Amino acid sequence: MPGGYSYSQVESALACVFGADAAGQAGWLRGRIQHLRRLRLTPPAEGGPVIYNFEWAARWLLALRLERVGLNPADIVAFFEQNWERKPGSKFPMKSLREVIEQARTPIAKARKAKTRHHSDDVWLIVTFDFHTEFPKIGLVQPYRRPHSNPELDNAKGFFDYSRSDVADVVAIPLTESLRMLETALEEAVEATETRSERV
């Protein structure tokens, strides 16, 4: 679809990322996506078919992953609405969710250029649960990154030391890898659509 993807292409790509078979795609996955759409996590319809760009596909991917670790869909959508764009004076996130997605995608191109699957800048999303807030704290970590200014910095050790010292329940989501899989799956979904069109 010019300028983006169709709903069916995005749904097929997400099914691939989450390992859903045909029944799962038509069942639980579609049901969860439709629920997110009813909560208005969807691009606006402007008098024609809705076109989804990669950013929208990534929003659904992230929302579904956060659902999978137990967060309420309505709370997730509210969090997205509050934090997708950077807001002046906002204490969290230090970056908007859009910027986090962009940062997590950057290592994909770097790895492709280096002809490797992974890169030291790969990003993990960190979901920290505590007893003081209903919605967890969400941040990021690059465990394999070694800044030139401080090559001794061990991000992985720092992450585990933090979770141990705070006795925190933490979920780590491999965000860069999830987005890498989504990119590939969307490309395959587009190719499949083109192949079907040629057969017709």
N, C-alpha and C. Protein backbone atom coordinates (compact mmCIF):
# COMPACT_ATOMS: atom_id res chain seq x y z
N MET A 1 0.86 -1.19 0.00
CA MET A 1 0.00 0.00 0.00
C MET A 1 0.90 1.24 0.00
N PRO A 2 0.69 2.17 -0.96
CA PRO A 2 1.55 3.36 -1.03
C PRO A 2 1.55 4.13 0.29
N GLY A 3 2.74 4.42 0.79
CA GLY A 3 2.85 5.23 1.99
C GLY A 3 2.74 4.48 3.29
N GLY A 4 2.57 3.18 3.23
CA GLY A 4 2.46 2.42 4.48
C GLY A 4 1.98 1.00 4.25
N TYR A 5 1.28 0.47 5.25
CA TYR A 5 0.85 -0.92 5.22
C TYR A 5 -0.65 -1.00 5.45
N SER A 6 -1.24 -2.08 4.96
CA SER A 6 -2.65 -2.34 5.24
C SER A 6 -2.77 -2.98 6.61
N TYR A 7 -4.00 -2.99 7.13
CA TYR A 7 -4.22 -3.64 8.42
C TYR A 7 -3.80 -5.10 8.36
N SER A 8 -4.19 -5.80 7.30
CA SER A 8 -3.89 -7.24 7.22
C SER A 8 -2.39 -7.50 7.20
N GLN A 9 -1.62 -6.61 6.58
CA GLN A 9 -0.16 -6.77 6.56
C GLN A 9 0.42 -6.58 7.96
N VAL A 10 -0.07 -5.58 8.69
CA VAL A 10 0.42 -5.35 10.04
C VAL A 10 0.03 -6.52 10.95
N GLU A 11 -1.19 -6.97 10.84
CA GLU A 11 -1.64 -8.09 11.68
C GLU A 11 -0.81 -9.35 11.39
N SER A 12 -0.56 -9.62 10.11
CA SER A 12 0.25 -10.79 9.75
C SER A 12 1.67 -10.68 10.30
N ALA A 13 2.23 -9.47 10.23
CA ALA A 13 3.58 -9.25 10.74
C ALA A 13 3.63 -9.47 12.25
N LEU A 14 2.64 -8.94 12.96
CA LEU A 14 2.60 -9.12 14.42
C LEU A 14 2.40 -10.59 14.78
N ALA A 15 1.61 -11.29 14.00
CA ALA A 15 1.43 -12.72 14.24
C ALA A 15 2.76 -13.45 14.12
N CYS A 16 3.56 -13.04 13.14
CA CYS A 16 4.89 -13.66 12.96
C CYS A 16 5.78 -13.36 14.16
N VAL A 17 5.78 -12.11 14.60
CA VAL A 17 6.63 -11.72 15.73
C VAL A 17 6.25 -12.48 17.00
N PHE A 18 4.95 -12.66 17.23
CA PHE A 18 4.48 -13.32 18.45
C PHE A 18 4.33 -14.83 18.29
N GLY A 19 4.66 -15.34 17.13
CA GLY A 19 4.59 -16.78 16.93
C GLY A 19 3.18 -17.34 16.93
N ALA A 20 2.22 -16.52 16.48
CA ALA A 20 0.82 -16.97 16.45
C ALA A 20 0.55 -17.73 15.16
N ASP A 21 -0.08 -18.89 15.27
CA ASP A 21 -0.49 -19.62 14.07
C ASP A 21 -1.75 -18.98 13.51
N ALA A 22 -2.32 -19.57 12.46
CA ALA A 22 -3.49 -18.97 11.80
C ALA A 22 -4.65 -18.81 12.77
N ALA A 23 -4.87 -19.83 13.61
CA ALA A 23 -5.97 -19.75 14.58
C ALA A 23 -5.70 -18.67 15.62
N GLY A 24 -4.46 -18.58 16.08
CA GLY A 24 -4.10 -17.56 17.06
C GLY A 24 -4.21 -16.17 16.49
N GLN A 25 -3.81 -16.00 15.22
CA GLN A 25 -3.91 -14.70 14.58
C GLN A 25 -5.36 -14.25 14.46
N ALA A 26 -6.22 -15.17 14.04
CA ALA A 26 -7.63 -14.84 13.87
C ALA A 26 -8.37 -14.76 15.21
N GLY A 27 -7.76 -15.33 16.25
CA GLY A 27 -8.40 -15.37 17.56
C GLY A 27 -7.85 -14.34 18.52
N TRP A 28 -6.93 -14.78 19.39
CA TRP A 28 -6.47 -13.91 20.48
C TRP A 28 -5.75 -12.66 19.98
N LEU A 29 -4.93 -12.79 18.92
CA LEU A 29 -4.18 -11.61 18.47
C LEU A 29 -5.12 -10.56 17.90
N ARG A 30 -6.00 -10.96 17.00
CA ARG A 30 -6.92 -9.99 16.41
C ARG A 30 -7.81 -9.37 17.47
N GLY A 31 -8.24 -10.19 18.43
CA GLY A 31 -9.07 -9.67 19.51
C GLY A 31 -8.36 -8.59 20.31
N ARG A 32 -7.08 -8.82 20.62
CA ARG A 32 -6.33 -7.83 21.40
C ARG A 32 -6.06 -6.56 20.60
N ILE A 33 -5.79 -6.72 19.31
CA ILE A 33 -5.58 -5.53 18.47
C ILE A 33 -6.87 -4.72 18.36
N GLN A 34 -7.99 -5.41 18.17
CA GLN A 34 -9.27 -4.70 18.06
C GLN A 34 -9.59 -3.97 19.36
N HIS A 35 -9.22 -4.58 20.49
CA HIS A 35 -9.44 -3.90 21.76
C HIS A 35 -8.62 -2.62 21.83
N LEU A 36 -7.37 -2.67 21.39
CA LEU A 36 -6.52 -1.47 21.36
C LEU A 36 -7.12 -0.42 20.43
N ARG A 37 -7.68 -0.86 19.32
CA ARG A 37 -8.29 0.09 18.39
C ARG A 37 -9.52 0.74 19.00
N ARG A 38 -10.31 -0.05 19.74
CA ARG A 38 -11.48 0.53 20.40
C ARG A 38 -11.07 1.54 21.46
N LEU A 39 -9.89 1.35 22.03
CA LEU A 39 -9.35 2.31 23.00
C LEU A 39 -8.69 3.51 22.32
N ARG A 40 -8.80 3.54 21.00
CA ARG A 40 -8.31 4.62 20.15
C ARG A 40 -6.79 4.61 19.95
N LEU A 41 -6.19 3.47 20.11
CA LEU A 41 -4.78 3.35 19.73
C LEU A 41 -4.75 2.89 18.27
N THR A 42 -5.05 3.82 17.39
CA THR A 42 -5.12 3.54 15.96
C THR A 42 -5.05 4.86 15.21
N PRO A 43 -4.49 4.87 14.01
CA PRO A 43 -4.43 6.13 13.25
C PRO A 43 -5.84 6.57 12.84
N PRO A 44 -6.05 7.86 12.67
CA PRO A 44 -7.37 8.35 12.30
C PRO A 44 -7.74 7.96 10.87
N ALA A 45 -9.01 7.65 10.68
CA ALA A 45 -9.52 7.39 9.33
C ALA A 45 -9.90 8.73 8.71
N GLU A 46 -9.41 8.97 7.51
CA GLU A 46 -9.64 10.27 6.86
C GLU A 46 -10.36 10.07 5.53
N GLY A 47 -11.51 9.44 5.59
CA GLY A 47 -12.32 9.29 4.39
C GLY A 47 -11.85 8.23 3.43
N GLY A 48 -10.98 7.35 3.87
CA GLY A 48 -10.49 6.27 3.00
C GLY A 48 -9.93 5.16 3.85
N PRO A 49 -9.29 4.18 3.23
CA PRO A 49 -8.71 3.09 4.01
C PRO A 49 -7.61 3.60 4.94
N VAL A 50 -7.58 3.06 6.14
CA VAL A 50 -6.57 3.47 7.11
C VAL A 50 -5.22 2.90 6.68
N ILE A 51 -4.21 3.77 6.66
CA ILE A 51 -2.86 3.35 6.30
C ILE A 51 -2.00 3.36 7.55
N TYR A 52 -1.30 2.27 7.77
CA TYR A 52 -0.46 2.11 8.95
C TYR A 52 1.00 2.24 8.54
N ASN A 53 1.74 3.15 9.20
CA ASN A 53 3.17 3.21 8.96
C ASN A 53 3.89 2.35 9.99
N PHE A 54 5.21 2.30 9.90
CA PHE A 54 5.95 1.44 10.82
C PHE A 54 5.75 1.89 12.26
N GLU A 55 5.65 3.19 12.47
CA GLU A 55 5.48 3.70 13.83
C GLU A 55 4.22 3.14 14.48
N TRP A 56 3.13 3.07 13.71
CA TRP A 56 1.89 2.53 14.27
C TRP A 56 2.01 1.04 14.54
N ALA A 57 2.66 0.33 13.65
CA ALA A 57 2.88 -1.09 13.88
C ALA A 57 3.71 -1.30 15.14
N ALA A 58 4.70 -0.42 15.36
CA ALA A 58 5.55 -0.52 16.55
C ALA A 58 4.76 -0.20 17.81
N ARG A 59 3.81 0.73 17.73
CA ARG A 59 2.98 1.02 18.90
C ARG A 59 2.19 -0.22 19.32
N TRP A 60 1.59 -0.87 18.35
CA TRP A 60 0.82 -2.08 18.68
C TRP A 60 1.75 -3.17 19.22
N LEU A 61 2.91 -3.31 18.61
CA LEU A 61 3.87 -4.30 19.09
C LEU A 61 4.22 -4.06 20.55
N LEU A 62 4.54 -2.81 20.88
CA LEU A 62 4.93 -2.49 22.24
C LEU A 62 3.75 -2.65 23.19
N ALA A 63 2.57 -2.21 22.78
CA ALA A 63 1.38 -2.36 23.63
C ALA A 63 1.09 -3.82 23.91
N LEU A 64 1.20 -4.66 22.90
CA LEU A 64 0.93 -6.09 23.08
C LEU A 64 1.97 -6.74 23.98
N ARG A 65 3.21 -6.31 23.88
CA ARG A 65 4.25 -6.87 24.75
C ARG A 65 4.02 -6.44 26.20
N LEU A 66 3.58 -5.20 26.39
CA LEU A 66 3.29 -4.74 27.75
C LEU A 66 2.06 -5.45 28.31
N GLU A 67 1.09 -5.74 27.45
CA GLU A 67 -0.06 -6.55 27.89
C GLU A 67 0.41 -7.92 28.35
N ARG A 68 1.35 -8.46 27.63
CA ARG A 68 1.80 -9.83 27.92
C ARG A 68 2.47 -9.94 29.28
N VAL A 69 3.01 -8.83 29.79
CA VAL A 69 3.62 -8.89 31.13
C VAL A 69 2.63 -8.46 32.21
N GLY A 70 1.35 -8.32 31.81
CA GLY A 70 0.31 -8.14 32.81
C GLY A 70 -0.29 -6.75 32.95
N LEU A 71 0.09 -5.81 32.08
CA LEU A 71 -0.46 -4.46 32.21
C LEU A 71 -1.84 -4.36 31.56
N ASN A 72 -2.67 -3.50 32.12
CA ASN A 72 -4.02 -3.30 31.62
C ASN A 72 -3.98 -2.51 30.31
N PRO A 73 -4.68 -2.97 29.26
CA PRO A 73 -4.64 -2.27 27.97
C PRO A 73 -5.03 -0.79 28.06
N ALA A 74 -6.05 -0.47 28.87
CA ALA A 74 -6.47 0.92 29.00
C ALA A 74 -5.36 1.76 29.63
N ASP A 75 -4.64 1.20 30.60
CA ASP A 75 -3.53 1.92 31.22
C ASP A 75 -2.39 2.10 30.23
N ILE A 76 -2.16 1.09 29.39
CA ILE A 76 -1.10 1.18 28.38
C ILE A 76 -1.40 2.30 27.40
N VAL A 77 -2.64 2.34 26.92
CA VAL A 77 -3.03 3.37 25.96
C VAL A 77 -2.91 4.76 26.58
N ALA A 78 -3.32 4.89 27.83
CA ALA A 78 -3.19 6.18 28.52
C ALA A 78 -1.71 6.58 28.64
N PHE A 79 -0.86 5.62 28.94
CA PHE A 79 0.58 5.88 29.04
C PHE A 79 1.13 6.33 27.70
N PHE A 80 0.71 5.69 26.62
CA PHE A 80 1.15 6.09 25.28
C PHE A 80 0.70 7.52 24.98
N GLU A 81 -0.55 7.82 25.28
CA GLU A 81 -1.08 9.16 25.00
C GLU A 81 -0.29 10.24 25.75
N GLN A 82 0.13 9.92 26.97
CA GLN A 82 0.83 10.89 27.80
C GLN A 82 2.30 11.02 27.42
N ASN A 83 2.89 9.97 26.86
CA ASN A 83 4.34 9.94 26.72
C ASN A 83 4.87 9.66 25.32
N TRP A 84 3.98 9.54 24.32
CA TRP A 84 4.49 9.24 22.98
C TRP A 84 5.35 10.38 22.45
N GLU A 85 4.92 11.61 22.68
CA GLU A 85 5.70 12.77 22.26
C GLU A 85 6.34 13.41 23.49
N ARG A 86 7.47 14.07 23.29
CA ARG A 86 8.15 14.76 24.39
C ARG A 86 7.32 15.96 24.83
N LYS A 87 7.16 16.11 26.13
CA LYS A 87 6.39 17.23 26.66
C LYS A 87 7.31 18.14 27.48
N PRO A 88 7.20 19.44 27.28
CA PRO A 88 8.05 20.38 28.04
C PRO A 88 7.85 20.20 29.54
N GLY A 89 8.96 20.07 30.26
CA GLY A 89 8.89 19.96 31.71
C GLY A 89 8.56 18.57 32.23
N SER A 90 8.36 17.62 31.33
CA SER A 90 8.01 16.28 31.77
C SER A 90 9.22 15.59 32.39
N LYS A 91 9.05 15.00 33.55
CA LYS A 91 10.16 14.32 34.22
C LYS A 91 10.37 12.92 33.67
N PHE A 92 9.31 12.26 33.23
CA PHE A 92 9.44 10.94 32.64
C PHE A 92 8.48 10.82 31.46
N PRO A 93 8.94 10.20 30.39
CA PRO A 93 10.31 9.70 30.27
C PRO A 93 11.28 10.82 29.91
N MET A 94 12.56 10.59 30.19
CA MET A 94 13.57 11.55 29.77
C MET A 94 13.48 11.71 28.26
N LYS A 95 13.12 10.63 27.58
CA LYS A 95 12.85 10.66 26.15
C LYS A 95 11.40 10.28 25.94
N SER A 96 10.83 10.73 24.86
CA SER A 96 9.47 10.31 24.54
C SER A 96 9.53 8.85 24.07
N LEU A 97 8.38 8.20 24.07
CA LEU A 97 8.34 6.82 23.57
C LEU A 97 8.72 6.77 22.11
N ARG A 98 8.35 7.80 21.35
CA ARG A 98 8.74 7.84 19.95
C ARG A 98 10.28 7.82 19.82
N GLU A 99 10.95 8.62 20.67
CA GLU A 99 12.41 8.66 20.62
C GLU A 99 13.03 7.34 21.07
N VAL A 100 12.38 6.68 22.02
CA VAL A 100 12.88 5.36 22.46
C VAL A 100 12.81 4.36 21.31
N ILE A 101 11.68 4.38 20.57
CA ILE A 101 11.55 3.50 19.42
C ILE A 101 12.62 3.81 18.38
N GLU A 102 12.85 5.09 18.12
CA GLU A 102 13.87 5.48 17.14
C GLU A 102 15.26 5.04 17.60
N GLN A 103 15.54 5.20 18.89
CA GLN A 103 16.84 4.78 19.42
C GLN A 103 17.00 3.27 19.30
N ALA A 104 15.92 2.54 19.53
CA ALA A 104 15.99 1.08 19.47
C ALA A 104 16.13 0.57 18.04
N ARG A 105 15.66 1.36 17.06
CA ARG A 105 15.78 0.95 15.65
C ARG A 105 17.17 1.23 15.08
N THR A 106 17.86 2.22 15.63
CA THR A 106 19.16 2.61 15.08
C THR A 106 20.15 1.45 15.00
N PRO A 107 20.26 0.59 16.04
CA PRO A 107 21.21 -0.52 15.95
C PRO A 107 20.89 -1.54 14.86
N ILE A 108 19.64 -1.56 14.38
CA ILE A 108 19.28 -2.49 13.31
C ILE A 108 20.05 -2.14 12.05
N ALA A 109 20.06 -0.86 11.71
CA ALA A 109 20.80 -0.41 10.53
C ALA A 109 22.30 -0.61 10.72
N LYS A 110 22.77 -0.36 11.95
CA LYS A 110 24.20 -0.55 12.22
C LYS A 110 24.60 -2.01 12.06
N ALA A 111 23.78 -2.91 12.56
CA ALA A 111 24.07 -4.34 12.44
C ALA A 111 24.03 -4.79 10.98
N ARG A 112 23.05 -4.25 10.25
CA ARG A 112 22.93 -4.60 8.83
C ARG A 112 24.17 -4.15 8.07
N LYS A 113 24.64 -2.95 8.39
CA LYS A 113 25.84 -2.43 7.72
C LYS A 113 27.06 -3.27 8.06
N ALA A 114 27.14 -3.74 9.32
CA ALA A 114 28.27 -4.56 9.75
C ALA A 114 28.08 -6.04 9.39
N LYS A 115 26.92 -6.36 8.79
CA LYS A 115 26.59 -7.73 8.37
C LYS A 115 26.57 -8.68 9.56
N THR A 116 26.01 -8.20 10.66
CA THR A 116 25.81 -9.03 11.85
C THR A 116 24.35 -8.92 12.25
N ARG A 117 23.87 -9.87 13.05
CA ARG A 117 22.47 -9.85 13.47
C ARG A 117 22.23 -8.84 14.59
N HIS A 118 23.20 -8.77 15.52
CA HIS A 118 23.01 -7.91 16.69
C HIS A 118 24.08 -6.83 16.72
N HIS A 119 23.83 -5.80 17.54
CA HIS A 119 24.79 -4.71 17.68
C HIS A 119 24.91 -4.37 19.16
N SER A 120 26.05 -3.85 19.55
CA SER A 120 26.28 -3.53 20.97
C SER A 120 25.36 -2.41 21.47
N ASP A 121 24.71 -1.68 20.56
CA ASP A 121 23.80 -0.61 20.96
C ASP A 121 22.35 -1.09 21.10
N ASP A 122 22.11 -2.40 20.94
CA ASP A 122 20.74 -2.91 21.06
C ASP A 122 20.11 -2.47 22.37
N VAL A 123 18.80 -2.18 22.31
CA VAL A 123 18.06 -1.61 23.44
C VAL A 123 17.08 -2.63 24.02
N TRP A 124 17.04 -2.70 25.35
CA TRP A 124 16.02 -3.45 26.08
C TRP A 124 15.13 -2.46 26.81
N LEU A 125 13.83 -2.69 26.77
CA LEU A 125 12.90 -1.90 27.57
C LEU A 125 12.80 -2.54 28.95
N ILE A 126 12.85 -1.71 29.99
CA ILE A 126 12.84 -2.19 31.36
C ILE A 126 11.52 -1.79 32.03
N VAL A 127 10.77 -2.77 32.50
CA VAL A 127 9.51 -2.52 33.19
C VAL A 127 9.70 -2.90 34.65
N THR A 128 9.65 -1.90 35.53
CA THR A 128 9.93 -2.12 36.96
C THR A 128 8.64 -1.98 37.77
N PHE A 129 8.29 -3.04 38.48
CA PHE A 129 7.08 -3.04 39.30
C PHE A 129 7.45 -2.74 40.76
N ASP A 130 6.60 -1.96 41.42
CA ASP A 130 6.79 -1.74 42.85
C ASP A 130 5.42 -1.65 43.51
N PHE A 131 5.41 -1.47 44.82
CA PHE A 131 4.15 -1.44 45.56
C PHE A 131 3.61 -0.03 45.76
N HIS A 132 4.29 0.95 45.19
CA HIS A 132 3.93 2.34 45.46
C HIS A 132 3.11 2.97 44.34
N THR A 133 3.18 2.40 43.14
CA THR A 133 2.46 2.96 42.01
C THR A 133 1.69 1.85 41.31
N GLU A 134 0.53 2.20 40.76
CA GLU A 134 -0.27 1.21 40.05
C GLU A 134 0.36 0.85 38.72
N PHE A 135 0.95 1.84 38.04
CA PHE A 135 1.58 1.59 36.74
C PHE A 135 3.09 1.52 36.94
N PRO A 136 3.76 0.54 36.38
CA PRO A 136 5.20 0.38 36.61
C PRO A 136 6.03 1.50 35.98
N LYS A 137 7.26 1.59 36.42
CA LYS A 137 8.21 2.52 35.80
C LYS A 137 8.77 1.84 34.55
N ILE A 138 8.91 2.62 33.50
CA ILE A 138 9.40 2.07 32.24
C ILE A 138 10.62 2.87 31.79
N GLY A 139 11.70 2.17 31.54
CA GLY A 139 12.93 2.81 31.09
C GLY A 139 13.61 1.93 30.06
N LEU A 140 14.88 2.16 29.83
CA LEU A 140 15.61 1.34 28.86
C LEU A 140 17.04 1.12 29.33
N VAL A 141 17.65 0.09 28.77
CA VAL A 141 19.05 -0.19 29.06
C VAL A 141 19.70 -0.75 27.79
N GLN A 142 20.97 -0.42 27.61
CA GLN A 142 21.76 -0.99 26.51
C GLN A 142 22.90 -1.79 27.15
N PRO A 143 22.64 -3.04 27.50
CA PRO A 143 23.57 -3.80 28.34
C PRO A 143 24.94 -4.06 27.71
N TYR A 144 25.02 -4.05 26.38
CA TYR A 144 26.30 -4.36 25.74
C TYR A 144 27.06 -3.12 25.29
N ARG A 145 26.49 -1.94 25.54
CA ARG A 145 27.11 -0.72 25.05
C ARG A 145 28.30 -0.31 25.92
N ARG A 146 29.39 0.06 25.28
CA ARG A 146 30.58 0.55 25.96
C ARG A 146 30.93 1.91 25.38
N PRO A 147 30.51 3.00 26.03
CA PRO A 147 30.79 4.34 25.49
C PRO A 147 32.30 4.59 25.37
N HIS A 148 32.70 5.29 24.32
CA HIS A 148 34.13 5.59 24.14
C HIS A 148 34.65 6.43 25.30
N SER A 149 33.78 7.27 25.86
CA SER A 149 34.20 8.14 26.95
C SER A 149 34.37 7.37 28.26
N ASN A 150 33.76 6.19 28.35
CA ASN A 150 33.85 5.39 29.58
C ASN A 150 33.76 3.90 29.23
N PRO A 151 34.80 3.35 28.61
CA PRO A 151 34.76 1.96 28.15
C PRO A 151 34.63 0.93 29.28
N GLU A 152 34.88 1.35 30.50
CA GLU A 152 34.77 0.42 31.63
C GLU A 152 33.32 0.31 32.14
N LEU A 153 32.46 1.17 31.65
CA LEU A 153 31.06 1.14 32.10
C LEU A 153 30.41 -0.18 31.72
N ASP A 154 29.82 -0.83 32.70
CA ASP A 154 29.15 -2.12 32.48
C ASP A 154 27.66 -1.93 32.72
N ASN A 155 26.92 -1.67 31.65
CA ASN A 155 25.49 -1.41 31.78
C ASN A 155 24.73 -2.62 32.30
N ALA A 156 25.14 -3.81 31.88
CA ALA A 156 24.44 -5.02 32.32
C ALA A 156 24.59 -5.20 33.83
N LYS A 157 25.82 -5.03 34.33
CA LYS A 157 26.06 -5.16 35.77
C LYS A 157 25.28 -4.08 36.53
N GLY A 158 25.27 -2.85 35.97
CA GLY A 158 24.54 -1.77 36.63
C GLY A 158 23.06 -2.07 36.73
N PHE A 159 22.50 -2.68 35.69
CA PHE A 159 21.09 -3.03 35.70
C PHE A 159 20.78 -4.07 36.77
N PHE A 160 21.59 -5.11 36.82
CA PHE A 160 21.33 -6.17 37.79
C PHE A 160 21.62 -5.71 39.22
N ASP A 161 22.64 -4.86 39.39
CA ASP A 161 22.92 -4.31 40.71
C ASP A 161 21.74 -3.46 41.20
N TYR A 162 21.17 -2.69 40.28
CA TYR A 162 20.03 -1.85 40.64
C TYR A 162 18.84 -2.70 41.07
N SER A 163 18.52 -3.74 40.28
CA SER A 163 17.36 -4.56 40.61
C SER A 163 17.59 -5.34 41.90
N ARG A 164 18.85 -5.66 42.19
CA ARG A 164 19.14 -6.39 43.43
C ARG A 164 19.10 -5.46 44.64
N SER A 165 19.70 -4.28 44.51
CA SER A 165 19.74 -3.38 45.67
C SER A 165 18.36 -2.85 46.02
N ASP A 166 17.50 -2.66 44.99
CA ASP A 166 16.14 -2.17 45.25
C ASP A 166 15.14 -3.31 45.45
N VAL A 167 15.63 -4.55 45.36
CA VAL A 167 14.77 -5.74 45.42
C VAL A 167 13.54 -5.51 44.54
N ALA A 168 13.82 -5.12 43.30
CA ALA A 168 12.74 -4.76 42.37
C ALA A 168 12.37 -5.93 41.47
N ASP A 169 11.08 -6.02 41.16
CA ASP A 169 10.61 -6.98 40.16
C ASP A 169 10.71 -6.29 38.80
N VAL A 170 11.57 -6.82 37.95
CA VAL A 170 11.86 -6.15 36.69
C VAL A 170 11.66 -7.12 35.53
N VAL A 171 11.01 -6.61 34.46
CA VAL A 171 10.87 -7.37 33.22
C VAL A 171 11.68 -6.66 32.15
N ALA A 172 12.52 -7.40 31.45
CA ALA A 172 13.33 -6.83 30.37
C ALA A 172 12.77 -7.30 29.03
N ILE A 173 12.42 -6.35 28.16
CA ILE A 173 11.86 -6.66 26.85
C ILE A 173 12.90 -6.31 25.79
N PRO A 174 13.34 -7.27 24.98
CA PRO A 174 14.35 -6.97 23.95
C PRO A 174 13.74 -6.14 22.83
N LEU A 175 13.75 -4.82 22.99
CA LEU A 175 13.03 -3.93 22.09
C LEU A 175 13.64 -3.91 20.69
N THR A 176 14.96 -3.77 20.60
CA THR A 176 15.59 -3.74 19.28
C THR A 176 15.31 -5.02 18.51
N GLU A 177 15.44 -6.15 19.17
CA GLU A 177 15.19 -7.42 18.49
C GLU A 177 13.72 -7.54 18.06
N SER A 178 12.81 -7.06 18.90
CA SER A 178 11.39 -7.09 18.55
C SER A 178 11.12 -6.24 17.30
N LEU A 179 11.73 -5.06 17.25
CA LEU A 179 11.55 -4.19 16.10
C LEU A 179 12.23 -4.75 14.86
N ARG A 180 13.36 -5.42 15.05
CA ARG A 180 14.04 -6.07 13.93
C ARG A 180 13.14 -7.15 13.32
N MET A 181 12.53 -7.93 14.18
CA MET A 181 11.61 -8.97 13.71
C MET A 181 10.40 -8.35 13.02
N LEU A 182 9.91 -7.23 13.54
CA LEU A 182 8.76 -6.57 12.94
C LEU A 182 9.10 -6.04 11.55
N GLU A 183 10.26 -5.41 11.40
CA GLU A 183 10.68 -4.92 10.09
C GLU A 183 10.69 -6.05 9.07
N THR A 184 11.31 -7.17 9.44
CA THR A 184 11.42 -8.31 8.53
C THR A 184 10.04 -8.87 8.20
N ALA A 185 9.19 -9.00 9.22
CA ALA A 185 7.86 -9.56 9.02
C ALA A 185 7.01 -8.66 8.13
N LEU A 186 7.13 -7.35 8.28
CA LEU A 186 6.38 -6.43 7.42
C LEU A 186 6.84 -6.54 5.97
N GLU A 187 8.14 -6.65 5.77
CA GLU A 187 8.66 -6.82 4.41
C GLU A 187 8.10 -8.09 3.79
N GLU A 188 8.05 -9.17 4.56
CA GLU A 188 7.53 -10.44 4.06
C GLU A 188 6.03 -10.35 3.78
N ALA A 189 5.30 -9.61 4.62
CA ALA A 189 3.87 -9.45 4.41
C ALA A 189 3.59 -8.68 3.13
N VAL A 190 4.39 -7.65 2.86
CA VAL A 190 4.23 -6.88 1.63
C VAL A 190 4.54 -7.76 0.42
N GLU A 191 5.61 -8.53 0.49
CA GLU A 191 5.97 -9.43 -0.61
C GLU A 191 4.87 -10.45 -0.87
N ALA A 192 4.27 -10.97 0.20
CA ALA A 192 3.20 -11.95 0.05
C ALA A 192 1.99 -11.32 -0.64
N THR A 193 1.68 -10.08 -0.29
CA THR A 193 0.56 -9.37 -0.91
C THR A 193 0.83 -9.15 -2.40
N GLU A 194 2.05 -8.75 -2.74
CA GLU A 194 2.41 -8.52 -4.14
C GLU A 194 2.36 -9.81 -4.92
N THR A 195 2.79 -10.91 -4.32
CA THR A 195 2.76 -12.20 -5.00
C THR A 195 1.33 -12.63 -5.29
N ARG A 196 0.44 -12.44 -4.33
CA ARG A 196 -0.98 -12.78 -4.55
C ARG A 196 -1.59 -11.93 -5.65
N SER A 197 -1.20 -10.65 -5.70
CA SER A 197 -1.72 -9.75 -6.72
C SER A 197 -1.26 -10.18 -8.12
N GLU A 198 -0.01 -10.62 -8.21
CA GLU A 198 0.53 -11.06 -9.51
C GLU A 198 -0.19 -12.31 -9.99
N ARG A 199 -0.56 -13.19 -9.05
CA ARG A 199 -1.25 -14.43 -9.44
C ARG A 199 -2.65 -14.14 -9.98
N VAL A 200 -3.26 -13.10 -9.40
CA VAL A 200 -4.60 -12.73 -9.88
C VAL A 200 -4.49 -12.09 -11.27
